[in-house]
Amino acid sequence: MRKEYDFTDSVRNPYAKHFRKQVTLRLGTDVIAYFKALALETGVPYQNLINLYLRDCVHSGKKLALKWAS
């Protein structure tokens, strides 16, 4: 291993900005409990499970069917 490395010609990863972005969401306690229980079963962190579920919704084109009571 070298004592020093020369990074003068290095280039930033152009895809790095597309990885993840931190956001704040207000989720129901029942939703969080559901995903935390699922996390215990699968061994996958609950935030990753929520992300995987939302990604699946995006790829499959799922849309909510909301009906407002008048």
PDB file of N, CA and C in Angstrom:
ATOM      1  N   MET A   1       0.845  -1.182   0.000  1.00  0.00           N
ATOM      2  CA  MET A   1       0.000   0.000   0.000  1.00  0.00           C
ATOM      3  C   MET A   1       0.889   1.243   0.000  1.00  0.00           C
ATOM      4  N   ARG A   2       0.522   2.206  -0.801  1.00  0.00           N
ATOM      5  CA  ARG A   2       1.302   3.439  -0.900  1.00  0.00           C
ATOM      6  C   ARG A   2       1.006   4.365   0.272  1.00  0.00           C
ATOM      7  N   LYS A   3       1.962   5.243   0.536  1.00  0.00           N
ATOM      8  CA  LYS A   3       1.727   6.248   1.582  1.00  0.00           C
ATOM      9  C   LYS A   3       0.820   7.352   1.070  1.00  0.00           C
ATOM     10  N   GLU A   4       0.941   7.682  -0.221  1.00  0.00           N
ATOM     11  CA  GLU A   4       0.123   8.729  -0.818  1.00  0.00           C
ATOM     12  C   GLU A   4      -0.391   8.277  -2.179  1.00  0.00           C
ATOM     13  N   TYR A   5      -1.552   8.767  -2.535  1.00  0.00           N
ATOM     14  CA  TYR A   5      -2.151   8.478  -3.834  1.00  0.00           C
ATOM     15  C   TYR A   5      -2.417   9.790  -4.563  1.00  0.00           C
ATOM     16  N   ASP A   6      -2.287   9.772  -5.863  1.00  0.00           N
ATOM     17  CA  ASP A   6      -2.504  10.965  -6.679  1.00  0.00           C
ATOM     18  C   ASP A   6      -3.894  10.896  -7.316  1.00  0.00           C
ATOM     19  N   PHE A   7      -4.787  11.770  -6.891  1.00  0.00           N
ATOM     20  CA  PHE A   7      -6.147  11.809  -7.409  1.00  0.00           C
ATOM     21  C   PHE A   7      -6.392  13.020  -8.318  1.00  0.00           C
ATOM     22  N   THR A   8      -5.355  13.622  -8.835  1.00  0.00           N
ATOM     23  CA  THR A   8      -5.516  14.826  -9.652  1.00  0.00           C
ATOM     24  C   THR A   8      -6.282  14.552 -10.945  1.00  0.00           C
ATOM     25  N   ASP A   9      -6.174  13.366 -11.518  1.00  0.00           N
ATOM     26  CA  ASP A   9      -6.884  13.037 -12.757  1.00  0.00           C
ATOM     27  C   ASP A   9      -8.173  12.255 -12.512  1.00  0.00           C
ATOM     28  N   SER A  10      -8.606  12.173 -11.267  1.00  0.00           N
ATOM     29  CA  SER A  10      -9.802  11.384 -10.961  1.00  0.00           C
ATOM     30  C   SER A  10     -11.069  12.118 -11.406  1.00  0.00           C
ATOM     31  N   VAL A  11     -12.125  11.350 -11.644  1.00  0.00           N
ATOM     32  CA  VAL A  11     -13.404  11.883 -12.101  1.00  0.00           C
ATOM     33  C   VAL A  11     -14.493  11.393 -11.158  1.00  0.00           C
ATOM     34  N   ARG A  12     -15.424  12.274 -10.816  1.00  0.00           N
ATOM     35  CA  ARG A  12     -16.541  11.866  -9.965  1.00  0.00           C
ATOM     36  C   ARG A  12     -17.443  10.890 -10.697  1.00  0.00           C
ATOM     37  N   ASN A  13     -18.079  10.025  -9.935  1.00  0.00           N
ATOM     38  CA  ASN A  13     -19.016   9.064 -10.505  1.00  0.00           C
ATOM     39  C   ASN A  13     -20.238   9.820 -11.032  1.00  0.00           C
ATOM     40  N   PRO A  14     -20.519   9.773 -12.346  1.00  0.00           N
ATOM     41  CA  PRO A  14     -21.655  10.527 -12.885  1.00  0.00           C
ATOM     42  C   PRO A  14     -23.004   9.947 -12.479  1.00  0.00           C
ATOM     43  N   TYR A  15     -23.022   8.736 -11.987  1.00  0.00           N
ATOM     44  CA  TYR A  15     -24.275   8.090 -11.605  1.00  0.00           C
ATOM     45  C   TYR A  15     -24.570   8.213 -10.108  1.00  0.00           C
ATOM     46  N   ALA A  16     -23.662   8.770  -9.340  1.00  0.00           N
ATOM     47  CA  ALA A  16     -23.797   8.820  -7.883  1.00  0.00           C
ATOM     48  C   ALA A  16     -25.035   9.596  -7.440  1.00  0.00           C
ATOM     49  N   LYS A  17     -25.435  10.620  -8.173  1.00  0.00           N
ATOM     50  CA  LYS A  17     -26.586  11.418  -7.752  1.00  0.00           C
ATOM     51  C   LYS A  17     -27.900  10.668  -7.935  1.00  0.00           C
ATOM     52  N   HIS A  18     -27.877   9.556  -8.677  1.00  0.00           N
ATOM     53  CA  HIS A  18     -29.090   8.797  -8.936  1.00  0.00           C
ATOM     54  C   HIS A  18     -29.310   7.655  -7.943  1.00  0.00           C
ATOM     55  N   PHE A  19     -28.412   7.472  -6.997  1.00  0.00           N
ATOM     56  CA  PHE A  19     -28.524   6.334  -6.093  1.00  0.00           C
ATOM     57  C   PHE A  19     -29.690   6.464  -5.133  1.00  0.00           C
ATOM     58  N   ARG A  20     -29.598   7.370  -4.209  1.00  0.00           N
ATOM     59  CA  ARG A  20     -30.650   7.549  -3.201  1.00  0.00           C
ATOM     60  C   ARG A  20     -30.695   8.997  -2.753  1.00  0.00           C
ATOM     61  N   LYS A  21     -31.853   9.374  -2.246  1.00  0.00           N
ATOM     62  CA  LYS A  21     -32.024  10.720  -1.713  1.00  0.00           C
ATOM     63  C   LYS A  21     -32.798  10.605  -0.418  1.00  0.00           C
ATOM     64  N   GLN A  22     -32.337  11.294   0.603  1.00  0.00           N
ATOM     65  CA  GLN A  22     -32.996  11.255   1.894  1.00  0.00           C
ATOM     66  C   GLN A  22     -34.227  12.148   1.865  1.00  0.00           C
ATOM     67  N   VAL A  23     -35.359  11.602   2.332  1.00  0.00           N
ATOM     68  CA  VAL A  23     -36.594  12.373   2.443  1.00  0.00           C
ATOM     69  C   VAL A  23     -37.232  12.082   3.794  1.00  0.00           C
ATOM     70  N   THR A  24     -38.159  12.932   4.183  1.00  0.00           N
ATOM     71  CA  THR A  24     -38.903  12.729   5.413  1.00  0.00           C
ATOM     72  C   THR A  24     -40.344  12.408   5.044  1.00  0.00           C
ATOM     73  N   LEU A  25     -40.845  11.295   5.562  1.00  0.00           N
ATOM     74  CA  LEU A  25     -42.223  10.875   5.311  1.00  0.00           C
ATOM     75  C   LEU A  25     -42.947  10.699   6.628  1.00  0.00           C
ATOM     76  N   ARG A  26     -44.212  11.001   6.630  1.00  0.00           N
ATOM     77  CA  ARG A  26     -45.041  10.717   7.799  1.00  0.00           C
ATOM     78  C   ARG A  26     -45.861   9.483   7.468  1.00  0.00           C
ATOM     79  N   LEU A  27     -45.513   8.367   8.104  1.00  0.00           N
ATOM     80  CA  LEU A  27     -46.197   7.107   7.870  1.00  0.00           C
ATOM     81  C   LEU A  27     -47.004   6.736   9.107  1.00  0.00           C
ATOM     82  N   GLY A  28     -48.089   6.041   8.880  1.00  0.00           N
ATOM     83  CA  GLY A  28     -48.904   5.573   9.997  1.00  0.00           C
ATOM     84  C   GLY A  28     -48.150   4.560  10.837  1.00  0.00           C
ATOM     85  N   THR A  29     -48.461   4.528  12.120  1.00  0.00           N
ATOM     86  CA  THR A  29     -47.768   3.587  13.007  1.00  0.00           C
ATOM     87  C   THR A  29     -48.064   2.142  12.618  1.00  0.00           C
ATOM     88  N   ASP A  30     -49.261   1.896  12.068  1.00  0.00           N
ATOM     89  CA  ASP A  30     -49.593   0.542  11.634  1.00  0.00           C
ATOM     90  C   ASP A  30     -48.746   0.126  10.425  1.00  0.00           C
ATOM     91  N   VAL A  31     -48.450   1.076   9.541  1.00  0.00           N
ATOM     92  CA  VAL A  31     -47.620   0.791   8.371  1.00  0.00           C
ATOM     93  C   VAL A  31     -46.191   0.480   8.813  1.00  0.00           C
ATOM     94  N   ILE A  32     -45.673   1.276   9.728  1.00  0.00           N
ATOM     95  CA  ILE A  32     -44.317   1.052  10.226  1.00  0.00           C
ATOM     96  C   ILE A  32     -44.238  -0.290  10.949  1.00  0.00           C
ATOM     97  N   ALA A  33     -45.242  -0.596  11.772  1.00  0.00           N
ATOM     98  CA  ALA A  33     -45.257  -1.876  12.489  1.00  0.00           C
ATOM     99  C   ALA A  33     -45.285  -3.049  11.524  1.00  0.00           C
ATOM    100  N   TYR A  34     -46.059  -2.921  10.442  1.00  0.00           N
ATOM    101  CA  TYR A  34     -46.137  -3.986   9.441  1.00  0.00           C
ATOM    102  C   TYR A  34     -44.766  -4.248   8.822  1.00  0.00           C
ATOM    103  N   PHE A  35     -44.100  -3.194   8.377  1.00  0.00           N
ATOM    104  CA  PHE A  35     -42.806  -3.361   7.722  1.00  0.00           C
ATOM    105  C   PHE A  35     -41.715  -3.776   8.711  1.00  0.00           C
ATOM    106  N   LYS A  36     -41.809  -3.349   9.974  1.00  0.00           N
ATOM    107  CA  LYS A  36     -40.833  -3.788  10.968  1.00  0.00           C
ATOM    108  C   LYS A  36     -40.992  -5.277  11.257  1.00  0.00           C
ATOM    109  N   ALA A  37     -42.243  -5.749  11.319  1.00  0.00           N
ATOM    110  CA  ALA A  37     -42.483  -7.181  11.524  1.00  0.00           C
ATOM    111  C   ALA A  37     -41.966  -7.977  10.332  1.00  0.00           C
ATOM    112  N   LEU A  38     -42.202  -7.477   9.140  1.00  0.00           N
ATOM    113  CA  LEU A  38     -41.707  -8.120   7.933  1.00  0.00           C
ATOM    114  C   LEU A  38     -40.173  -8.127   7.917  1.00  0.00           C
ATOM    115  N   ALA A  39     -39.580  -7.072   8.446  1.00  0.00           N
ATOM    116  CA  ALA A  39     -38.125  -6.980   8.516  1.00  0.00           C
ATOM    117  C   ALA A  39     -37.563  -8.060   9.437  1.00  0.00           C
ATOM    118  N   LEU A  40     -38.242  -8.316  10.539  1.00  0.00           N
ATOM    119  CA  LEU A  40     -37.789  -9.363  11.453  1.00  0.00           C
ATOM    120  C   LEU A  40     -37.863 -10.739  10.790  1.00  0.00           C
ATOM    121  N   GLU A  41     -38.904 -10.965   9.992  1.00  0.00           N
ATOM    122  CA  GLU A  41     -39.061 -12.243   9.298  1.00  0.00           C
ATOM    123  C   GLU A  41     -37.993 -12.447   8.225  1.00  0.00           C
ATOM    124  N   THR A  42     -37.708 -11.397   7.479  1.00  0.00           N
ATOM    125  CA  THR A  42     -36.839 -11.523   6.314  1.00  0.00           C
ATOM    126  C   THR A  42     -35.374 -11.209   6.600  1.00  0.00           C
ATOM    127  N   GLY A  43     -35.108 -10.438   7.651  1.00  0.00           N
ATOM    128  CA  GLY A  43     -33.741 -10.017   7.931  1.00  0.00           C
ATOM    129  C   GLY A  43     -33.303  -8.822   7.101  1.00  0.00           C
ATOM    130  N   VAL A  44     -34.252  -8.207   6.394  1.00  0.00           N
ATOM    131  CA  VAL A  44     -33.971  -7.024   5.583  1.00  0.00           C
ATOM    132  C   VAL A  44     -34.467  -5.805   6.360  1.00  0.00           C
ATOM    133  N   PRO A  45     -33.675  -4.739   6.486  1.00  0.00           N
ATOM    134  CA  PRO A  45     -34.117  -3.549   7.215  1.00  0.00           C
ATOM    135  C   PRO A  45     -35.447  -3.006   6.666  1.00  0.00           C
ATOM    136  N   TYR A  46     -36.303  -2.541   7.579  1.00  0.00           N
ATOM    137  CA  TYR A  46     -37.652  -2.135   7.173  1.00  0.00           C
ATOM    138  C   TYR A  46     -37.650  -0.984   6.177  1.00  0.00           C
ATOM    139  N   GLN A  47     -36.685  -0.073   6.260  1.00  0.00           N
ATOM    140  CA  GLN A  47     -36.636   1.026   5.301  1.00  0.00           C
ATOM    141  C   GLN A  47     -36.316   0.503   3.901  1.00  0.00           C
ATOM    142  N   ASN A  48     -35.482  -0.513   3.825  1.00  0.00           N
ATOM    143  CA  ASN A  48     -35.186  -1.130   2.531  1.00  0.00           C
ATOM    144  C   ASN A  48     -36.432  -1.829   1.982  1.00  0.00           C
ATOM    145  N   LEU A  49     -37.207  -2.460   2.865  1.00  0.00           N
ATOM    146  CA  LEU A  49     -38.436  -3.121   2.413  1.00  0.00           C
ATOM    147  C   LEU A  49     -39.433  -2.110   1.859  1.00  0.00           C
ATOM    148  N   ILE A  50     -39.570  -0.986   2.529  1.00  0.00           N
ATOM    149  CA  ILE A  50     -40.478   0.058   2.039  1.00  0.00           C
ATOM    150  C   ILE A  50     -39.996   0.548   0.678  1.00  0.00           C
ATOM    151  N   ASN A  51     -38.691   0.753   0.535  1.00  0.00           N
ATOM    152  CA  ASN A  51     -38.137   1.197  -0.741  1.00  0.00           C
ATOM    153  C   ASN A  51     -38.378   0.152  -1.833  1.00  0.00           C
ATOM    154  N   LEU A  52     -38.175  -1.118  -1.510  1.00  0.00           N
ATOM    155  CA  LEU A  52     -38.406  -2.187  -2.489  1.00  0.00           C
ATOM    156  C   LEU A  52     -39.869  -2.232  -2.917  1.00  0.00           C
ATOM    157  N   TYR A  53     -40.790  -2.074  -1.955  1.00  0.00           N
ATOM    158  CA  TYR A  53     -42.209  -2.093  -2.281  1.00  0.00           C
ATOM    159  C   TYR A  53     -42.574  -0.913  -3.185  1.00  0.00           C
ATOM    160  N   LEU A  54     -42.091   0.262  -2.846  1.00  0.00           N
ATOM    161  CA  LEU A  54     -42.390   1.440  -3.663  1.00  0.00           C
ATOM    162  C   LEU A  54     -41.774   1.325  -5.052  1.00  0.00           C
ATOM    163  N   ARG A  55     -40.570   0.762  -5.134  1.00  0.00           N
ATOM    164  CA  ARG A  55     -39.937   0.549  -6.433  1.00  0.00           C
ATOM    165  C   ARG A  55     -40.761  -0.412  -7.280  1.00  0.00           C
ATOM    166  N   ASP A  56     -41.303  -1.472  -6.641  1.00  0.00           N
ATOM    167  CA  ASP A  56     -42.156  -2.421  -7.349  1.00  0.00           C
ATOM    168  C   ASP A  56     -43.408  -1.720  -7.883  1.00  0.00           C
ATOM    169  N   CYS A  57     -43.976  -0.816  -7.082  1.00  0.00           N
ATOM    170  CA  CYS A  57     -45.144  -0.047  -7.533  1.00  0.00           C
ATOM    171  C   CYS A  57     -44.798   0.794  -8.758  1.00  0.00           C
ATOM    172  N   VAL A  58     -43.623   1.395  -8.743  1.00  0.00           N
ATOM    173  CA  VAL A  58     -43.189   2.234  -9.868  1.00  0.00           C
ATOM    174  C   VAL A  58     -43.033   1.387 -11.126  1.00  0.00           C
ATOM    175  N   HIS A  59     -42.337   0.262 -11.000  1.00  0.00           N
ATOM    176  CA  HIS A  59     -42.057  -0.569 -12.176  1.00  0.00           C
ATOM    177  C   HIS A  59     -43.315  -1.229 -12.736  1.00  0.00           C
ATOM    178  N   SER A  60     -44.273  -1.562 -11.867  1.00  0.00           N
ATOM    179  CA  SER A  60     -45.485  -2.216 -12.352  1.00  0.00           C
ATOM    180  C   SER A  60     -46.574  -1.207 -12.715  1.00  0.00           C
ATOM    181  N   GLY A  61     -46.342   0.071 -12.419  1.00  0.00           N
ATOM    182  CA  GLY A  61     -47.315   1.107 -12.772  1.00  0.00           C
ATOM    183  C   GLY A  61     -48.556   1.101 -11.905  1.00  0.00           C
ATOM    184  N   LYS A  62     -48.430   0.627 -10.673  1.00  0.00           N
ATOM    185  CA  LYS A  62     -49.589   0.603  -9.764  1.00  0.00           C
ATOM    186  C   LYS A  62     -50.061   2.019  -9.488  1.00  0.00           C
ATOM    187  N   LYS A  63     -51.381   2.153  -9.413  1.00  0.00           N
ATOM    188  CA  LYS A  63     -51.974   3.452  -9.068  1.00  0.00           C
ATOM    189  C   LYS A  63     -53.047   3.236  -8.016  1.00  0.00           C
ATOM    190  N   LEU A  64     -53.215   4.206  -7.164  1.00  0.00           N
ATOM    191  CA  LEU A  64     -54.247   4.125  -6.119  1.00  0.00           C
ATOM    192  C   LEU A  64     -55.614   4.402  -6.715  1.00  0.00           C
ATOM    193  N   ALA A  65     -56.608   3.687  -6.226  1.00  0.00           N
ATOM    194  CA  ALA A  65     -57.990   3.943  -6.633  1.00  0.00           C
ATOM    195  C   ALA A  65     -58.684   4.564  -5.420  1.00  0.00           C
ATOM    196  N   LEU A  66     -58.734   5.870  -5.396  1.00  0.00           N
ATOM    197  CA  LEU A  66     -59.339   6.583  -4.271  1.00  0.00           C
ATOM    198  C   LEU A  66     -60.749   7.043  -4.639  1.00  0.00           C
ATOM    199  N   LYS A  67     -61.655   6.850  -3.699  1.00  0.00           N
ATOM    200  CA  LYS A  67     -63.026   7.354  -3.870  1.00  0.00           C
ATOM    201  C   LYS A  67     -63.341   8.203  -2.653  1.00  0.00           C
ATOM    202  N   TRP A  68     -63.622   9.459  -2.914  1.00  0.00           N
ATOM    203  CA  TRP A  68     -63.937  10.388  -1.824  1.00  0.00           C
ATOM    204  C   TRP A  68     -65.438  10.377  -1.585  1.00  0.00           C
ATOM    205  N   ALA A  69     -65.820  10.239  -0.329  1.00  0.00           N
ATOM    206  CA  ALA A  69     -67.235  10.279   0.032  1.00  0.00           C
ATOM    207  C   ALA A  69     -67.724  11.718  -0.066  1.00  0.00           C
ATOM    208  N   SER A  70     -68.899  11.905  -0.648  1.00  0.00           N
ATOM    209  CA  SER A  70     -69.404  13.273  -0.799  1.00  0.00           C
ATOM    210  C   SER A  70     -70.397  13.604   0.289  1.00  0.00           C
TER     211      SER A  70
END
